[in-house]
Amino acid sequence: MKLVLVVAAALIDPDGRVLIAQRPEGKTLAGLWEFPGGKLEPGERPEAALIRELHEELGITVQEACLAPLTFASHAYDDFHLLMPLYICRRWEGLAVSKEGQNLKWVRPNKLRDYPMPAADIPLIPHLTGLLS
């Protein structure tokens, strides 16, 4: 089974809310909510990939020192296995805005389960609620 490595960030605002993005129509798992991030390019480090993806998707600038690894997801989908480290980020430059047509929402950690998410993202929620409660 093919192993796919992606990185994700839990961006946390000063009010303790987490940013989630809704996958746009036409993409796999369209309509589901997820933590921002994406696939690594060949030879790319996870932190560099996350910094690049956050800039491409949300228009924000993140310094590597502001990324703290929290946990990871390991999930077998039908045709690939996903490995996804989740980083916490509380500081960035710029305002997070949709650059790729996705809806964005700032959500309290205890409300994350109210939003349908890909199977790999769901086990990450208790780690965030534990950290931010």
N, C-alpha and C. Protein backbone atom coordinates (compact mmCIF):
# COMPACT_ATOMS: atom_id res chain seq x y z
N MET A 1 0.85 -1.18 0.00
CA MET A 1 0.00 0.00 0.00
C MET A 1 0.90 1.24 0.00
N LYS A 2 0.53 2.21 -0.79
CA LYS A 2 1.30 3.45 -0.90
C LYS A 2 1.19 4.26 0.38
N LEU A 3 2.33 4.79 0.86
CA LEU A 3 2.36 5.66 2.02
C LEU A 3 2.37 7.10 1.55
N VAL A 4 1.42 7.91 2.04
CA VAL A 4 1.34 9.32 1.70
C VAL A 4 1.63 10.12 2.95
N LEU A 5 2.60 11.02 2.87
CA LEU A 5 2.96 11.87 4.00
C LEU A 5 2.46 13.28 3.74
N VAL A 6 1.62 13.76 4.65
CA VAL A 6 1.13 15.14 4.60
C VAL A 6 1.37 15.77 5.96
N VAL A 7 1.39 17.10 6.01
CA VAL A 7 1.55 17.81 7.27
C VAL A 7 0.35 18.72 7.47
N ALA A 8 0.01 18.97 8.73
CA ALA A 8 -1.13 19.82 9.03
C ALA A 8 -0.80 20.70 10.23
N ALA A 9 -1.52 21.82 10.31
CA ALA A 9 -1.33 22.76 11.41
C ALA A 9 -2.65 23.05 12.10
N ALA A 10 -2.58 23.12 13.42
CA ALA A 10 -3.68 23.66 14.21
C ALA A 10 -3.28 25.09 14.53
N LEU A 11 -3.78 26.02 13.72
CA LEU A 11 -3.54 27.44 13.97
C LEU A 11 -4.48 27.86 15.10
N ILE A 12 -3.92 28.43 16.16
CA ILE A 12 -4.71 28.80 17.33
C ILE A 12 -4.65 30.31 17.50
N ASP A 13 -5.83 30.94 17.50
CA ASP A 13 -5.88 32.40 17.63
C ASP A 13 -5.83 32.80 19.10
N PRO A 14 -5.72 34.10 19.40
CA PRO A 14 -5.63 34.54 20.80
C PRO A 14 -6.83 34.16 21.67
N ASP A 15 -7.98 33.89 21.05
CA ASP A 15 -9.17 33.46 21.79
C ASP A 15 -9.22 31.96 22.01
N GLY A 16 -8.18 31.22 21.57
CA GLY A 16 -8.14 29.78 21.76
C GLY A 16 -8.93 28.99 20.74
N ARG A 17 -9.29 29.64 19.63
CA ARG A 17 -10.02 28.93 18.56
C ARG A 17 -9.03 28.35 17.56
N VAL A 18 -9.46 27.30 16.88
CA VAL A 18 -8.64 26.59 15.91
C VAL A 18 -9.22 26.84 14.51
N LEU A 19 -8.34 27.06 13.54
CA LEU A 19 -8.80 27.27 12.16
C LEU A 19 -8.96 25.94 11.44
N ILE A 20 -10.13 25.76 10.83
CA ILE A 20 -10.35 24.60 9.97
C ILE A 20 -10.77 25.10 8.59
N ALA A 21 -10.49 24.28 7.59
CA ALA A 21 -10.79 24.63 6.20
C ALA A 21 -11.66 23.54 5.60
N GLN A 22 -12.63 23.95 4.79
CA GLN A 22 -13.51 22.99 4.13
C GLN A 22 -12.96 22.67 2.75
N ARG A 23 -12.80 21.37 2.48
CA ARG A 23 -12.26 20.96 1.19
C ARG A 23 -13.23 21.38 0.09
N PRO A 24 -12.73 22.06 -0.94
CA PRO A 24 -13.61 22.58 -1.99
C PRO A 24 -14.12 21.48 -2.93
N GLU A 25 -15.21 21.82 -3.63
CA GLU A 25 -15.77 20.91 -4.62
C GLU A 25 -14.70 20.55 -5.65
N GLY A 26 -14.75 19.31 -6.11
CA GLY A 26 -13.80 18.85 -7.12
C GLY A 26 -12.57 18.17 -6.53
N LYS A 27 -12.34 18.31 -5.23
CA LYS A 27 -11.22 17.65 -4.58
C LYS A 27 -11.71 16.40 -3.87
N THR A 28 -10.81 15.46 -3.63
CA THR A 28 -11.15 14.28 -2.85
C THR A 28 -11.67 14.73 -1.48
N LEU A 29 -12.67 14.05 -0.97
CA LEU A 29 -13.28 14.36 0.33
C LEU A 29 -13.86 15.77 0.38
N ALA A 30 -14.35 16.25 -0.76
CA ALA A 30 -14.94 17.59 -0.84
C ALA A 30 -16.05 17.76 0.19
N GLY A 31 -16.08 18.95 0.79
CA GLY A 31 -17.11 19.27 1.78
C GLY A 31 -16.70 18.98 3.21
N LEU A 32 -15.69 18.14 3.41
CA LEU A 32 -15.24 17.84 4.77
C LEU A 32 -14.30 18.93 5.26
N TRP A 33 -14.27 19.09 6.57
CA TRP A 33 -13.42 20.11 7.21
C TRP A 33 -12.13 19.47 7.67
N GLU A 34 -11.03 20.21 7.56
CA GLU A 34 -9.72 19.67 7.92
C GLU A 34 -8.83 20.77 8.47
N PHE A 35 -7.71 20.35 9.03
CA PHE A 35 -6.69 21.29 9.47
C PHE A 35 -5.86 21.66 8.24
N PRO A 36 -5.50 22.92 8.08
CA PRO A 36 -4.74 23.34 6.90
C PRO A 36 -3.39 22.63 6.82
N GLY A 37 -2.92 22.43 5.60
CA GLY A 37 -1.64 21.77 5.37
C GLY A 37 -1.65 21.13 4.00
N GLY A 38 -0.78 20.15 3.81
CA GLY A 38 -0.74 19.48 2.52
C GLY A 38 0.42 18.53 2.37
N LYS A 39 0.57 18.05 1.16
CA LYS A 39 1.60 17.05 0.84
C LYS A 39 2.99 17.65 0.79
N LEU A 40 3.95 16.81 1.13
CA LEU A 40 5.35 17.19 1.01
C LEU A 40 5.78 16.99 -0.44
N GLU A 41 6.64 17.87 -0.92
CA GLU A 41 7.26 17.70 -2.22
C GLU A 41 8.51 16.84 -2.02
N PRO A 42 9.00 16.18 -3.07
CA PRO A 42 10.19 15.32 -2.92
C PRO A 42 11.36 16.08 -2.29
N GLY A 43 11.94 15.49 -1.25
CA GLY A 43 13.09 16.07 -0.58
C GLY A 43 12.76 17.18 0.40
N GLU A 44 11.48 17.49 0.59
CA GLU A 44 11.07 18.60 1.45
C GLU A 44 10.90 18.12 2.90
N ARG A 45 11.37 18.92 3.83
CA ARG A 45 11.17 18.62 5.25
C ARG A 45 9.73 18.96 5.63
N PRO A 46 9.16 18.24 6.63
CA PRO A 46 7.77 18.52 7.02
C PRO A 46 7.51 19.97 7.40
N GLU A 47 8.41 20.57 8.16
CA GLU A 47 8.20 21.96 8.59
C GLU A 47 8.22 22.92 7.40
N ALA A 48 9.15 22.69 6.48
CA ALA A 48 9.23 23.55 5.28
C ALA A 48 7.96 23.39 4.43
N ALA A 49 7.48 22.16 4.31
CA ALA A 49 6.25 21.91 3.55
C ALA A 49 5.06 22.62 4.18
N LEU A 50 4.98 22.59 5.50
CA LEU A 50 3.86 23.23 6.19
C LEU A 50 3.92 24.74 6.03
N ILE A 51 5.10 25.31 6.17
CA ILE A 51 5.27 26.75 5.97
C ILE A 51 4.84 27.14 4.55
N ARG A 52 5.25 26.36 3.56
CA ARG A 52 4.89 26.62 2.16
C ARG A 52 3.38 26.50 1.97
N GLU A 53 2.80 25.42 2.46
CA GLU A 53 1.36 25.18 2.28
C GLU A 53 0.51 26.27 2.96
N LEU A 54 0.90 26.69 4.16
CA LEU A 54 0.14 27.72 4.85
C LEU A 54 0.20 29.04 4.09
N HIS A 55 1.33 29.31 3.47
CA HIS A 55 1.44 30.53 2.67
C HIS A 55 0.59 30.42 1.40
N GLU A 56 0.65 29.25 0.72
CA GLU A 56 -0.12 29.05 -0.51
C GLU A 56 -1.63 29.05 -0.25
N GLU A 57 -2.06 28.35 0.80
CA GLU A 57 -3.49 28.18 1.07
C GLU A 57 -4.13 29.37 1.77
N LEU A 58 -3.36 30.00 2.70
CA LEU A 58 -3.96 31.00 3.58
C LEU A 58 -3.31 32.37 3.49
N GLY A 59 -2.19 32.48 2.79
CA GLY A 59 -1.52 33.76 2.65
C GLY A 59 -0.81 34.24 3.91
N ILE A 60 -0.53 33.33 4.84
CA ILE A 60 0.17 33.73 6.06
C ILE A 60 1.63 33.28 6.01
N THR A 61 2.46 33.97 6.78
CA THR A 61 3.87 33.63 6.88
C THR A 61 4.13 33.08 8.28
N VAL A 62 4.69 31.88 8.32
CA VAL A 62 4.97 31.20 9.59
C VAL A 62 6.47 30.95 9.66
N GLN A 63 7.05 31.21 10.82
CA GLN A 63 8.45 30.89 11.06
C GLN A 63 8.53 29.48 11.64
N GLU A 64 9.57 28.74 11.26
CA GLU A 64 9.70 27.36 11.73
C GLU A 64 9.71 27.28 13.26
N ALA A 65 10.31 28.26 13.93
CA ALA A 65 10.37 28.25 15.40
C ALA A 65 8.98 28.33 16.03
N CYS A 66 7.98 28.75 15.27
CA CYS A 66 6.61 28.88 15.79
C CYS A 66 5.78 27.61 15.58
N LEU A 67 6.37 26.58 15.02
CA LEU A 67 5.68 25.30 14.81
C LEU A 67 6.11 24.32 15.89
N ALA A 68 5.17 23.81 16.64
CA ALA A 68 5.46 22.83 17.69
C ALA A 68 4.71 21.53 17.38
N PRO A 69 5.42 20.41 17.21
CA PRO A 69 4.72 19.15 16.93
C PRO A 69 3.86 18.74 18.12
N LEU A 70 2.63 18.34 17.85
CA LEU A 70 1.71 17.93 18.90
C LEU A 70 1.47 16.42 18.88
N THR A 71 1.08 15.90 17.73
CA THR A 71 0.75 14.48 17.61
C THR A 71 0.76 14.14 16.13
N PHE A 72 0.33 12.94 15.78
CA PHE A 72 0.23 12.57 14.37
C PHE A 72 -0.93 11.61 14.17
N ALA A 73 -1.38 11.55 12.93
CA ALA A 73 -2.42 10.60 12.54
C ALA A 73 -1.80 9.55 11.63
N SER A 74 -2.21 8.31 11.81
CA SER A 74 -1.81 7.22 10.93
C SER A 74 -3.10 6.50 10.57
N HIS A 75 -3.49 6.59 9.29
CA HIS A 75 -4.81 6.08 8.90
C HIS A 75 -4.74 5.38 7.55
N ALA A 76 -5.32 4.19 7.49
CA ALA A 76 -5.38 3.43 6.24
C ALA A 76 -6.67 3.75 5.51
N TYR A 77 -6.55 4.42 4.37
CA TYR A 77 -7.68 4.60 3.46
C TYR A 77 -7.69 3.39 2.52
N ASP A 78 -8.66 3.30 1.63
CA ASP A 78 -8.78 2.13 0.77
C ASP A 78 -7.56 1.92 -0.13
N ASP A 79 -7.01 3.01 -0.67
CA ASP A 79 -5.94 2.84 -1.65
C ASP A 79 -4.59 3.45 -1.25
N PHE A 80 -4.49 3.95 -0.02
CA PHE A 80 -3.20 4.45 0.48
C PHE A 80 -3.25 4.55 2.00
N HIS A 81 -2.07 4.66 2.60
CA HIS A 81 -1.97 4.87 4.04
C HIS A 81 -1.46 6.29 4.27
N LEU A 82 -2.16 7.04 5.09
CA LEU A 82 -1.82 8.43 5.36
C LEU A 82 -1.08 8.54 6.69
N LEU A 83 0.04 9.24 6.67
CA LEU A 83 0.76 9.60 7.88
C LEU A 83 0.79 11.12 7.92
N MET A 84 0.27 11.71 9.01
CA MET A 84 0.10 13.16 9.06
C MET A 84 0.52 13.71 10.43
N PRO A 85 1.71 14.32 10.51
CA PRO A 85 2.05 15.04 11.73
C PRO A 85 1.20 16.30 11.85
N LEU A 86 0.78 16.60 13.09
CA LEU A 86 0.01 17.81 13.37
C LEU A 86 0.86 18.73 14.25
N TYR A 87 1.05 19.94 13.77
CA TYR A 87 1.81 20.96 14.49
C TYR A 87 0.85 21.99 15.06
N ILE A 88 1.22 22.55 16.20
CA ILE A 88 0.50 23.68 16.78
C ILE A 88 1.22 24.95 16.35
N CYS A 89 0.45 25.97 16.01
CA CYS A 89 1.04 27.25 15.66
C CYS A 89 0.17 28.36 16.26
N ARG A 90 0.77 29.20 17.08
CA ARG A 90 0.05 30.30 17.72
C ARG A 90 0.49 31.67 17.20
N ARG A 91 1.55 31.71 16.37
CA ARG A 91 2.06 32.99 15.88
C ARG A 91 2.35 32.89 14.39
N TRP A 92 1.87 33.88 13.65
CA TRP A 92 2.12 33.99 12.22
C TRP A 92 1.95 35.44 11.83
N GLU A 93 2.39 35.75 10.62
CA GLU A 93 2.24 37.10 10.08
C GLU A 93 1.16 37.09 9.02
N GLY A 94 0.30 38.11 9.03
CA GLY A 94 -0.77 38.22 8.05
C GLY A 94 -2.09 37.69 8.59
N LEU A 95 -3.14 37.90 7.79
CA LEU A 95 -4.46 37.38 8.12
C LEU A 95 -4.74 36.15 7.29
N ALA A 96 -5.23 35.11 7.94
CA ALA A 96 -5.56 33.87 7.22
C ALA A 96 -6.80 34.11 6.36
N VAL A 97 -6.62 34.00 5.04
CA VAL A 97 -7.72 34.14 4.09
C VAL A 97 -7.67 32.98 3.11
N SER A 98 -8.81 32.66 2.55
CA SER A 98 -8.90 31.56 1.60
C SER A 98 -8.22 31.94 0.28
N LYS A 99 -7.20 31.18 -0.10
CA LYS A 99 -6.50 31.42 -1.37
C LYS A 99 -6.84 30.38 -2.41
N GLU A 100 -7.50 29.28 -2.00
CA GLU A 100 -7.78 28.18 -2.93
C GLU A 100 -9.25 27.81 -2.97
N GLY A 101 -10.12 28.77 -2.64
CA GLY A 101 -11.55 28.53 -2.74
C GLY A 101 -12.18 27.76 -1.60
N GLN A 102 -11.42 27.50 -0.56
CA GLN A 102 -11.96 26.75 0.57
C GLN A 102 -12.62 27.70 1.58
N ASN A 103 -13.67 27.21 2.23
CA ASN A 103 -14.27 27.96 3.33
C ASN A 103 -13.39 27.81 4.55
N LEU A 104 -13.28 28.86 5.35
CA LEU A 104 -12.50 28.83 6.58
C LEU A 104 -13.40 29.14 7.76
N LYS A 105 -13.07 28.56 8.91
CA LYS A 105 -13.86 28.81 10.11
C LYS A 105 -12.96 28.67 11.34
N TRP A 106 -13.07 29.64 12.25
CA TRP A 106 -12.40 29.57 13.55
C TRP A 106 -13.37 28.91 14.51
N VAL A 107 -12.93 27.81 15.15
CA VAL A 107 -13.83 26.97 15.94
C VAL A 107 -13.22 26.71 17.32
N ARG A 108 -14.06 26.74 18.34
CA ARG A 108 -13.62 26.34 19.68
C ARG A 108 -13.28 24.84 19.64
N PRO A 109 -12.22 24.43 20.33
CA PRO A 109 -11.82 23.01 20.27
C PRO A 109 -12.94 22.04 20.64
N ASN A 110 -13.79 22.42 21.62
CA ASN A 110 -14.87 21.51 22.02
C ASN A 110 -16.00 21.45 21.01
N LYS A 111 -15.93 22.25 19.94
CA LYS A 111 -16.95 22.24 18.89
C LYS A 111 -16.42 21.59 17.59
N LEU A 112 -15.16 21.15 17.57
CA LEU A 112 -14.60 20.58 16.34
C LEU A 112 -15.38 19.35 15.86
N ARG A 113 -15.91 18.58 16.79
CA ARG A 113 -16.67 17.38 16.40
C ARG A 113 -17.98 17.72 15.70
N ASP A 114 -18.40 18.98 15.74
CA ASP A 114 -19.62 19.39 15.05
C ASP A 114 -19.42 19.53 13.54
N TYR A 115 -18.18 19.42 13.09
CA TYR A 115 -17.85 19.59 11.68
C TYR A 115 -17.38 18.26 11.12
N PRO A 116 -18.01 17.77 10.03
CA PRO A 116 -17.58 16.49 9.46
C PRO A 116 -16.15 16.61 8.93
N MET A 117 -15.29 15.66 9.34
CA MET A 117 -13.87 15.68 8.98
C MET A 117 -13.47 14.36 8.35
N PRO A 118 -12.36 14.36 7.59
CA PRO A 118 -11.83 13.09 7.10
C PRO A 118 -11.49 12.18 8.28
N ALA A 119 -11.54 10.88 8.05
CA ALA A 119 -11.31 9.91 9.12
C ALA A 119 -9.95 10.11 9.80
N ALA A 120 -8.95 10.53 9.07
CA ALA A 120 -7.62 10.70 9.65
C ALA A 120 -7.56 11.88 10.62
N ASP A 121 -8.41 12.88 10.45
CA ASP A 121 -8.37 14.07 11.30
C ASP A 121 -9.08 13.88 12.63
N ILE A 122 -10.07 13.03 12.67
CA ILE A 122 -10.91 12.88 13.87
C ILE A 122 -10.11 12.50 15.12
N PRO A 123 -9.15 11.55 15.05
CA PRO A 123 -8.40 11.21 16.27
C PRO A 123 -7.50 12.35 16.79
N LEU A 124 -7.30 13.40 16.00
CA LEU A 124 -6.48 14.52 16.44
C LEU A 124 -7.24 15.45 17.39
N ILE A 125 -8.56 15.43 17.32
CA ILE A 125 -9.38 16.35 18.10
C ILE A 125 -9.14 16.25 19.60
N PRO A 126 -9.10 15.03 20.20
CA PRO A 126 -8.88 14.98 21.65
C PRO A 126 -7.55 15.58 22.09
N HIS A 127 -6.54 15.49 21.25
CA HIS A 127 -5.25 16.10 21.59
C HIS A 127 -5.37 17.62 21.68
N LEU A 128 -6.13 18.20 20.75
CA LEU A 128 -6.33 19.65 20.77
C LEU A 128 -7.20 20.08 21.95
N THR A 129 -8.28 19.36 22.19
CA THR A 129 -9.15 19.73 23.31
C THR A 129 -8.41 19.57 24.63
N GLY A 130 -7.57 18.56 24.74
CA GLY A 130 -6.77 18.37 25.95
C GLY A 130 -5.78 19.51 26.15
N LEU A 131 -5.17 19.96 25.07
CA LEU A 131 -4.18 21.04 25.15
C LEU A 131 -4.83 22.38 25.46
N LEU A 132 -6.00 22.63 24.89
CA LEU A 132 -6.62 23.95 24.96
C LEU A 132 -7.73 24.07 26.00
N SER A 133 -7.97 23.02 26.75
CA SER A 133 -9.06 23.07 27.77
C SER A 133 -8.55 23.66 29.07
